[in-house]
């Protein structure tokens, strides 16, 4: 991605990442967690959000810290880091809301040329996974290294 990411702290064997969003609402701890899918050992779910006072991820909160592009660039960097650590695995993500799913789709579309050089990207639409193309209203996404074979 062309945007500068936040500095990230890697935890738990490249399965958890933390960073701070900085903006008008202050410094807010964010966490990205990769957990194995019950459907396939080749796929890991990406969970992401603000860390609440109990240490849990809240993926429903709207932070509004005016840094969403930088936050998405940071999350994309964690995907690359995870896939470098686990090159035969894939990462899937569904936004917690339609607005967030649309934001993910736009971020992928805006950086598609750079991403396609390093990753295979699939979108979920009409009950099936297909190679990602711009201007399609996908409901979810899978990203894997170019040698990724699972879906």
N, C-alpha and C. Protein backbone atom coordinates (compact mmCIF):
# COMPACT_ATOMS: atom_id res chain seq x y z
N UNK A 1 0.84 -1.18 0.00
CA UNK A 1 0.00 0.00 0.00
C UNK A 1 0.88 1.23 0.00
N UNK A 2 0.38 2.28 -0.57
CA UNK A 2 1.17 3.49 -0.68
C UNK A 2 1.15 4.33 0.59
N UNK A 3 0.31 4.01 1.55
CA UNK A 3 0.20 4.79 2.78
C UNK A 3 1.09 4.20 3.86
N UNK A 4 1.65 5.07 4.67
CA UNK A 4 2.53 4.66 5.76
C UNK A 4 1.72 4.01 6.88
N UNK A 5 2.09 2.80 7.29
CA UNK A 5 1.36 2.14 8.38
C UNK A 5 1.88 2.61 9.74
N UNK A 6 1.11 2.30 10.77
CA UNK A 6 1.58 2.51 12.14
C UNK A 6 2.62 1.44 12.48
N UNK A 7 3.42 1.71 13.50
CA UNK A 7 4.35 0.71 14.02
C UNK A 7 3.52 -0.36 14.72
N UNK A 8 3.88 -1.62 14.48
CA UNK A 8 3.10 -2.75 14.97
C UNK A 8 3.95 -3.59 15.92
N UNK A 9 3.30 -4.07 16.97
CA UNK A 9 3.93 -5.03 17.87
C UNK A 9 3.38 -6.41 17.53
N UNK A 10 4.28 -7.37 17.27
CA UNK A 10 3.89 -8.73 16.90
C UNK A 10 3.87 -9.58 18.16
N UNK A 11 2.76 -10.30 18.35
CA UNK A 11 2.59 -11.17 19.52
C UNK A 11 2.26 -12.59 19.07
N UNK A 12 2.44 -13.55 19.93
CA UNK A 12 1.93 -14.91 19.76
C UNK A 12 2.25 -15.53 18.41
N UNK A 13 3.53 -15.63 18.07
CA UNK A 13 3.97 -16.35 16.86
C UNK A 13 3.30 -15.84 15.59
N UNK A 14 3.21 -14.54 15.43
CA UNK A 14 2.63 -13.91 14.25
C UNK A 14 1.13 -14.14 14.12
N UNK A 15 0.46 -14.46 15.22
CA UNK A 15 -0.99 -14.66 15.20
C UNK A 15 -1.74 -13.46 15.78
N UNK A 16 -1.04 -12.57 16.48
CA UNK A 16 -1.64 -11.37 17.06
C UNK A 16 -0.72 -10.18 16.83
N UNK A 17 -1.35 -9.05 16.56
CA UNK A 17 -0.62 -7.81 16.32
C UNK A 17 -1.35 -6.69 17.06
N UNK A 18 -0.59 -5.74 17.57
CA UNK A 18 -1.18 -4.57 18.22
C UNK A 18 -0.50 -3.30 17.72
N UNK A 19 -1.30 -2.25 17.66
CA UNK A 19 -0.77 -0.94 17.30
C UNK A 19 -1.71 0.13 17.86
N UNK A 20 -1.24 1.36 17.86
CA UNK A 20 -2.04 2.47 18.36
C UNK A 20 -2.47 3.36 17.20
N UNK A 21 -3.75 3.65 17.15
CA UNK A 21 -4.31 4.67 16.27
C UNK A 21 -4.09 6.00 16.99
N UNK A 22 -3.70 7.02 16.24
CA UNK A 22 -3.47 8.34 16.83
C UNK A 22 -4.24 9.38 16.04
N UNK A 23 -5.02 10.18 16.74
CA UNK A 23 -5.81 11.20 16.08
C UNK A 23 -6.51 12.08 17.08
N UNK A 24 -7.55 12.79 16.65
CA UNK A 24 -8.24 13.73 17.53
C UNK A 24 -8.91 13.09 18.74
N UNK A 25 -9.18 11.79 18.68
CA UNK A 25 -9.79 11.10 19.83
C UNK A 25 -8.73 10.46 20.73
N UNK A 26 -7.45 10.76 20.44
CA UNK A 26 -6.38 10.28 21.29
C UNK A 26 -5.68 9.06 20.72
N UNK A 27 -5.02 8.35 21.62
CA UNK A 27 -4.25 7.15 21.28
C UNK A 27 -5.11 5.93 21.64
N UNK A 28 -5.48 5.14 20.63
CA UNK A 28 -6.41 4.03 20.83
C UNK A 28 -5.75 2.73 20.41
N UNK A 29 -5.71 1.76 21.33
CA UNK A 29 -5.10 0.47 21.05
C UNK A 29 -5.98 -0.35 20.12
N UNK A 30 -5.37 -0.87 19.05
CA UNK A 30 -6.05 -1.74 18.08
C UNK A 30 -5.36 -3.10 18.11
N UNK A 31 -6.13 -4.13 17.80
CA UNK A 31 -5.56 -5.48 17.76
C UNK A 31 -6.06 -6.21 16.51
N UNK A 32 -5.15 -6.98 15.91
CA UNK A 32 -5.48 -7.86 14.79
C UNK A 32 -5.12 -9.27 15.25
N UNK A 33 -6.08 -10.20 15.11
CA UNK A 33 -5.86 -11.58 15.53
C UNK A 33 -6.20 -12.51 14.37
N UNK A 34 -5.32 -13.50 14.17
CA UNK A 34 -5.54 -14.52 13.16
C UNK A 34 -5.84 -15.83 13.87
N UNK A 35 -7.01 -16.40 13.60
CA UNK A 35 -7.41 -17.66 14.25
C UNK A 35 -7.81 -18.67 13.18
N UNK A 36 -7.44 -19.92 13.43
CA UNK A 36 -7.68 -20.97 12.45
C UNK A 36 -9.18 -21.16 12.23
N UNK A 37 -9.53 -21.39 10.99
CA UNK A 37 -10.93 -21.58 10.61
C UNK A 37 -11.39 -22.99 10.97
N UNK A 38 -12.60 -23.13 11.48
CA UNK A 38 -13.12 -24.48 11.72
C UNK A 38 -13.42 -25.22 10.42
N UNK A 39 -13.56 -24.49 9.31
CA UNK A 39 -13.88 -25.11 8.02
C UNK A 39 -12.65 -25.69 7.31
N UNK A 40 -11.47 -25.07 7.55
CA UNK A 40 -10.28 -25.51 6.83
C UNK A 40 -9.02 -25.12 7.58
N UNK A 41 -8.09 -26.07 7.74
CA UNK A 41 -6.83 -25.73 8.41
C UNK A 41 -5.94 -24.84 7.54
N UNK A 42 -6.32 -24.64 6.29
CA UNK A 42 -5.57 -23.76 5.39
C UNK A 42 -5.96 -22.30 5.55
N UNK A 43 -7.09 -22.03 6.21
CA UNK A 43 -7.61 -20.67 6.31
C UNK A 43 -7.58 -20.15 7.74
N UNK A 44 -7.26 -18.88 7.86
CA UNK A 44 -7.28 -18.18 9.15
C UNK A 44 -8.19 -16.97 9.03
N UNK A 45 -9.01 -16.78 10.05
CA UNK A 45 -9.90 -15.63 10.11
C UNK A 45 -9.14 -14.43 10.65
N UNK A 46 -9.31 -13.28 10.01
CA UNK A 46 -8.76 -12.02 10.50
C UNK A 46 -9.82 -11.33 11.34
N UNK A 47 -9.52 -11.12 12.61
CA UNK A 47 -10.38 -10.32 13.50
C UNK A 47 -9.63 -9.05 13.82
N UNK A 48 -10.35 -7.94 13.85
CA UNK A 48 -9.69 -6.66 14.03
C UNK A 48 -10.63 -5.67 14.71
N UNK A 49 -10.08 -4.85 15.58
CA UNK A 49 -10.87 -3.79 16.18
C UNK A 49 -10.14 -3.12 17.33
N UNK A 50 -10.85 -2.24 17.99
CA UNK A 50 -10.32 -1.56 19.18
C UNK A 50 -10.29 -2.56 20.33
N UNK A 51 -9.32 -2.39 21.23
CA UNK A 51 -9.24 -3.22 22.42
C UNK A 51 -10.04 -2.53 23.52
N UNK A 52 -11.03 -3.24 24.07
CA UNK A 52 -11.88 -2.63 25.11
C UNK A 52 -11.22 -2.74 26.48
N UNK A 53 -11.89 -2.22 27.51
CA UNK A 53 -11.31 -2.19 28.86
C UNK A 53 -11.11 -3.58 29.46
N UNK A 54 -11.71 -4.61 28.84
CA UNK A 54 -11.54 -5.99 29.29
C UNK A 54 -10.46 -6.73 28.50
N UNK A 55 -9.81 -6.02 27.56
CA UNK A 55 -8.76 -6.63 26.74
C UNK A 55 -9.28 -7.40 25.55
N UNK A 56 -10.56 -7.25 25.23
CA UNK A 56 -11.19 -7.95 24.10
C UNK A 56 -11.29 -7.02 22.89
N UNK A 57 -11.35 -7.63 21.71
CA UNK A 57 -11.53 -6.85 20.48
C UNK A 57 -12.99 -6.45 20.35
N UNK A 58 -13.23 -5.17 20.09
CA UNK A 58 -14.57 -4.67 19.79
C UNK A 58 -14.55 -4.27 18.32
N UNK A 59 -15.19 -5.09 17.47
CA UNK A 59 -15.19 -4.80 16.04
C UNK A 59 -16.44 -4.02 15.61
N UNK A 60 -17.20 -3.55 16.57
CA UNK A 60 -18.40 -2.77 16.27
C UNK A 60 -18.21 -1.27 16.50
N UNK A 61 -17.22 -0.92 17.29
CA UNK A 61 -17.01 0.48 17.65
C UNK A 61 -16.56 1.29 16.43
N UNK A 62 -17.00 2.54 16.38
CA UNK A 62 -16.55 3.47 15.35
C UNK A 62 -15.61 4.45 16.04
N UNK A 63 -14.32 4.29 15.79
CA UNK A 63 -13.30 5.07 16.49
C UNK A 63 -13.32 6.53 16.05
N UNK A 64 -13.47 6.78 14.75
CA UNK A 64 -13.50 8.13 14.19
C UNK A 64 -12.28 8.95 14.61
N UNK A 65 -11.11 8.33 14.46
CA UNK A 65 -9.86 9.01 14.82
C UNK A 65 -9.21 9.66 13.60
N UNK A 66 -9.95 9.74 12.50
CA UNK A 66 -9.51 10.41 11.26
C UNK A 66 -8.25 9.80 10.67
N UNK A 67 -8.04 8.50 10.88
CA UNK A 67 -6.84 7.83 10.37
C UNK A 67 -7.17 6.49 9.73
N UNK A 68 -8.37 6.34 9.20
CA UNK A 68 -8.81 5.03 8.70
C UNK A 68 -7.90 4.49 7.60
N UNK A 69 -7.37 5.34 6.75
CA UNK A 69 -6.49 4.87 5.67
C UNK A 69 -5.20 4.30 6.28
N UNK A 70 -4.66 4.99 7.27
CA UNK A 70 -3.44 4.52 7.92
C UNK A 70 -3.71 3.23 8.71
N UNK A 71 -4.87 3.14 9.33
CA UNK A 71 -5.24 1.91 10.05
C UNK A 71 -5.36 0.74 9.08
N UNK A 72 -6.03 0.94 7.94
CA UNK A 72 -6.16 -0.13 6.95
C UNK A 72 -4.80 -0.53 6.37
N UNK A 73 -3.92 0.45 6.16
CA UNK A 73 -2.57 0.14 5.69
C UNK A 73 -1.84 -0.72 6.72
N UNK A 74 -2.07 -0.45 7.98
CA UNK A 74 -1.43 -1.22 9.05
C UNK A 74 -1.98 -2.64 9.08
N UNK A 75 -3.29 -2.78 8.97
CA UNK A 75 -3.89 -4.12 8.94
C UNK A 75 -3.35 -4.90 7.73
N UNK A 76 -3.24 -4.25 6.58
CA UNK A 76 -2.69 -4.91 5.39
C UNK A 76 -1.26 -5.38 5.64
N UNK A 77 -0.48 -4.60 6.37
CA UNK A 77 0.89 -5.01 6.70
C UNK A 77 0.89 -6.24 7.60
N UNK A 78 -0.10 -6.35 8.49
CA UNK A 78 -0.16 -7.55 9.33
C UNK A 78 -0.52 -8.78 8.50
N UNK A 79 -1.35 -8.59 7.48
CA UNK A 79 -1.69 -9.71 6.59
C UNK A 79 -0.41 -10.20 5.90
N UNK A 80 0.37 -9.26 5.37
CA UNK A 80 1.62 -9.64 4.70
C UNK A 80 2.57 -10.33 5.68
N UNK A 81 2.66 -9.83 6.89
CA UNK A 81 3.53 -10.43 7.91
C UNK A 81 3.07 -11.84 8.25
N UNK A 82 1.76 -12.01 8.45
CA UNK A 82 1.20 -13.33 8.75
C UNK A 82 1.50 -14.31 7.62
N UNK A 83 1.26 -13.87 6.36
CA UNK A 83 1.47 -14.76 5.22
C UNK A 83 2.95 -15.06 4.98
N UNK A 84 3.82 -14.16 5.37
CA UNK A 84 5.25 -14.47 5.29
C UNK A 84 5.63 -15.54 6.32
N UNK A 85 5.01 -15.48 7.49
CA UNK A 85 5.27 -16.48 8.53
C UNK A 85 4.61 -17.82 8.21
N UNK A 86 3.45 -17.78 7.52
CA UNK A 86 2.68 -18.98 7.20
C UNK A 86 2.33 -18.96 5.71
N UNK A 87 3.32 -19.16 4.84
CA UNK A 87 3.10 -18.95 3.40
C UNK A 87 2.12 -19.90 2.72
N UNK A 88 1.80 -21.03 3.32
CA UNK A 88 0.84 -21.94 2.69
C UNK A 88 -0.59 -21.68 3.14
N UNK A 89 -0.79 -20.72 4.03
CA UNK A 89 -2.12 -20.42 4.58
C UNK A 89 -2.77 -19.26 3.82
N UNK A 90 -4.06 -19.12 4.03
CA UNK A 90 -4.81 -18.00 3.50
C UNK A 90 -5.51 -17.29 4.63
N UNK A 91 -5.83 -16.03 4.41
CA UNK A 91 -6.53 -15.20 5.40
C UNK A 91 -7.88 -14.82 4.83
N UNK A 92 -8.94 -15.03 5.62
CA UNK A 92 -10.24 -14.56 5.16
C UNK A 92 -10.79 -13.51 6.11
N UNK A 93 -11.57 -12.61 5.54
CA UNK A 93 -12.15 -11.53 6.35
C UNK A 93 -13.51 -11.16 5.79
N UNK A 94 -14.43 -10.98 6.71
CA UNK A 94 -15.75 -10.44 6.42
C UNK A 94 -15.89 -9.22 7.31
N UNK A 95 -16.30 -8.09 6.78
CA UNK A 95 -16.50 -6.91 7.61
C UNK A 95 -17.61 -7.15 8.61
N UNK A 96 -17.50 -6.53 9.79
CA UNK A 96 -18.54 -6.69 10.81
C UNK A 96 -19.82 -5.93 10.44
N UNK A 97 -19.71 -5.03 9.47
CA UNK A 97 -20.87 -4.31 8.93
C UNK A 97 -20.70 -4.20 7.41
N UNK A 98 -21.78 -3.88 6.71
CA UNK A 98 -21.68 -3.68 5.27
C UNK A 98 -20.76 -2.53 4.93
N UNK A 99 -20.78 -1.48 5.74
CA UNK A 99 -19.92 -0.32 5.50
C UNK A 99 -18.45 -0.72 5.60
N UNK A 100 -18.11 -1.53 6.59
CA UNK A 100 -16.72 -1.97 6.74
C UNK A 100 -16.31 -2.91 5.61
N UNK A 101 -17.20 -3.78 5.21
CA UNK A 101 -16.89 -4.66 4.09
C UNK A 101 -16.63 -3.83 2.84
N UNK A 102 -17.43 -2.81 2.62
CA UNK A 102 -17.23 -1.92 1.47
C UNK A 102 -15.89 -1.20 1.57
N UNK A 103 -15.53 -0.75 2.76
CA UNK A 103 -14.24 -0.09 2.98
C UNK A 103 -13.09 -1.03 2.65
N UNK A 104 -13.18 -2.29 3.05
CA UNK A 104 -12.14 -3.27 2.72
C UNK A 104 -12.05 -3.46 1.21
N UNK A 105 -13.22 -3.56 0.56
CA UNK A 105 -13.24 -3.75 -0.90
C UNK A 105 -12.58 -2.57 -1.61
N UNK A 106 -12.87 -1.36 -1.15
CA UNK A 106 -12.27 -0.16 -1.76
C UNK A 106 -10.76 -0.16 -1.55
N UNK A 107 -10.32 -0.51 -0.34
CA UNK A 107 -8.88 -0.54 -0.05
C UNK A 107 -8.18 -1.56 -0.95
N UNK A 108 -8.78 -2.74 -1.13
CA UNK A 108 -8.18 -3.74 -2.01
C UNK A 108 -8.17 -3.24 -3.44
N UNK A 109 -9.29 -2.68 -3.90
CA UNK A 109 -9.38 -2.18 -5.27
C UNK A 109 -8.36 -1.09 -5.56
N UNK A 110 -8.19 -0.18 -4.61
CA UNK A 110 -7.25 0.94 -4.80
C UNK A 110 -5.79 0.49 -4.83
N UNK A 111 -5.52 -0.68 -4.31
CA UNK A 111 -4.14 -1.18 -4.25
C UNK A 111 -3.98 -2.51 -4.98
N UNK A 112 -4.92 -2.81 -5.87
CA UNK A 112 -4.98 -4.12 -6.50
C UNK A 112 -3.71 -4.47 -7.28
N UNK A 113 -3.17 -3.54 -8.03
CA UNK A 113 -1.97 -3.84 -8.82
C UNK A 113 -0.82 -4.26 -7.92
N UNK A 114 -0.61 -3.55 -6.83
CA UNK A 114 0.46 -3.89 -5.89
C UNK A 114 0.18 -5.23 -5.22
N UNK A 115 -1.06 -5.46 -4.80
CA UNK A 115 -1.42 -6.70 -4.12
C UNK A 115 -1.28 -7.91 -5.04
N UNK A 116 -1.72 -7.79 -6.29
CA UNK A 116 -1.72 -8.94 -7.19
C UNK A 116 -0.32 -9.40 -7.55
N UNK A 117 0.68 -8.55 -7.38
CA UNK A 117 2.06 -8.96 -7.61
C UNK A 117 2.53 -9.95 -6.56
N UNK A 118 1.94 -9.88 -5.36
CA UNK A 118 2.41 -10.69 -4.24
C UNK A 118 1.39 -11.69 -3.71
N UNK A 119 0.11 -11.48 -4.01
CA UNK A 119 -0.95 -12.28 -3.40
C UNK A 119 -2.00 -12.70 -4.40
N UNK A 120 -2.68 -13.81 -4.07
CA UNK A 120 -3.93 -14.18 -4.74
C UNK A 120 -5.04 -13.61 -3.88
N UNK A 121 -6.01 -12.99 -4.50
CA UNK A 121 -7.12 -12.37 -3.77
C UNK A 121 -8.43 -12.88 -4.36
N UNK A 122 -9.31 -13.32 -3.47
CA UNK A 122 -10.62 -13.81 -3.87
C UNK A 122 -11.70 -13.01 -3.17
N UNK A 123 -12.84 -12.88 -3.82
CA UNK A 123 -14.00 -12.25 -3.21
C UNK A 123 -15.16 -13.24 -3.15
N UNK A 124 -16.00 -13.08 -2.14
CA UNK A 124 -17.15 -13.95 -1.96
C UNK A 124 -18.41 -13.22 -2.42
N UNK A 125 -19.09 -13.79 -3.41
CA UNK A 125 -20.31 -13.20 -3.93
C UNK A 125 -21.18 -14.33 -4.49
N UNK A 126 -22.49 -14.19 -4.33
CA UNK A 126 -23.45 -15.17 -4.84
C UNK A 126 -23.12 -16.59 -4.38
N UNK A 127 -22.68 -16.71 -3.12
CA UNK A 127 -22.44 -18.02 -2.55
C UNK A 127 -21.17 -18.72 -2.98
N UNK A 128 -20.27 -18.00 -3.67
CA UNK A 128 -19.03 -18.65 -4.11
C UNK A 128 -17.85 -17.69 -4.08
N UNK A 129 -16.65 -18.28 -4.03
CA UNK A 129 -15.40 -17.52 -4.08
C UNK A 129 -14.97 -17.40 -5.53
N UNK A 130 -14.50 -16.21 -5.92
CA UNK A 130 -14.00 -16.00 -7.27
C UNK A 130 -12.81 -15.05 -7.21
N UNK A 131 -11.93 -15.08 -8.23
CA UNK A 131 -10.82 -14.12 -8.24
C UNK A 131 -11.37 -12.69 -8.12
N UNK A 132 -10.71 -11.91 -7.29
CA UNK A 132 -11.16 -10.54 -7.02
C UNK A 132 -11.10 -9.69 -8.29
N UNK A 133 -12.17 -8.95 -8.53
CA UNK A 133 -12.24 -7.95 -9.60
C UNK A 133 -12.85 -6.69 -9.03
N UNK A 134 -12.46 -5.58 -9.56
CA UNK A 134 -13.00 -4.29 -9.10
C UNK A 134 -14.49 -4.19 -9.42
N UNK A 135 -15.17 -3.35 -8.65
CA UNK A 135 -16.57 -2.98 -8.87
C UNK A 135 -17.56 -4.13 -8.69
N UNK A 136 -17.22 -5.09 -7.84
CA UNK A 136 -18.15 -6.16 -7.49
C UNK A 136 -18.39 -6.07 -5.99
N UNK A 137 -19.64 -6.19 -5.59
CA UNK A 137 -20.03 -6.03 -4.18
C UNK A 137 -19.79 -7.33 -3.41
N UNK A 138 -18.53 -7.61 -3.11
CA UNK A 138 -18.18 -8.83 -2.39
C UNK A 138 -18.61 -8.75 -0.94
N UNK A 139 -18.90 -9.91 -0.36
CA UNK A 139 -19.31 -10.00 1.05
C UNK A 139 -18.14 -10.39 1.96
N UNK A 140 -17.06 -10.88 1.36
CA UNK A 140 -15.89 -11.28 2.13
C UNK A 140 -14.71 -11.46 1.19
N UNK A 141 -13.54 -11.72 1.79
CA UNK A 141 -12.31 -11.77 1.02
C UNK A 141 -11.37 -12.85 1.55
N UNK A 142 -10.61 -13.45 0.66
CA UNK A 142 -9.51 -14.34 1.02
C UNK A 142 -8.26 -13.81 0.34
N UNK A 143 -7.16 -13.79 1.09
CA UNK A 143 -5.86 -13.39 0.57
C UNK A 143 -4.87 -14.49 0.91
N UNK A 144 -4.08 -14.89 -0.07
CA UNK A 144 -3.03 -15.87 0.14
C UNK A 144 -1.83 -15.53 -0.72
N UNK A 145 -0.71 -16.14 -0.42
CA UNK A 145 0.47 -15.96 -1.26
C UNK A 145 0.15 -16.52 -2.65
N UNK A 146 0.97 -16.20 -3.61
CA UNK A 146 0.71 -16.64 -4.98
C UNK A 146 0.67 -18.15 -5.13
N UNK A 147 1.25 -18.89 -4.18
CA UNK A 147 1.19 -20.36 -4.24
C UNK A 147 0.01 -20.93 -3.46
N UNK A 148 -0.86 -20.08 -2.92
CA UNK A 148 -1.99 -20.52 -2.11
C UNK A 148 -2.96 -21.32 -2.96
N UNK A 149 -3.37 -22.50 -2.47
CA UNK A 149 -4.25 -23.38 -3.23
C UNK A 149 -5.61 -23.60 -2.58
N UNK A 150 -5.76 -23.27 -1.32
CA UNK A 150 -7.02 -23.57 -0.63
C UNK A 150 -8.03 -22.45 -0.73
N UNK A 151 -9.30 -22.82 -0.60
CA UNK A 151 -10.40 -21.85 -0.47
C UNK A 151 -11.53 -22.56 0.18
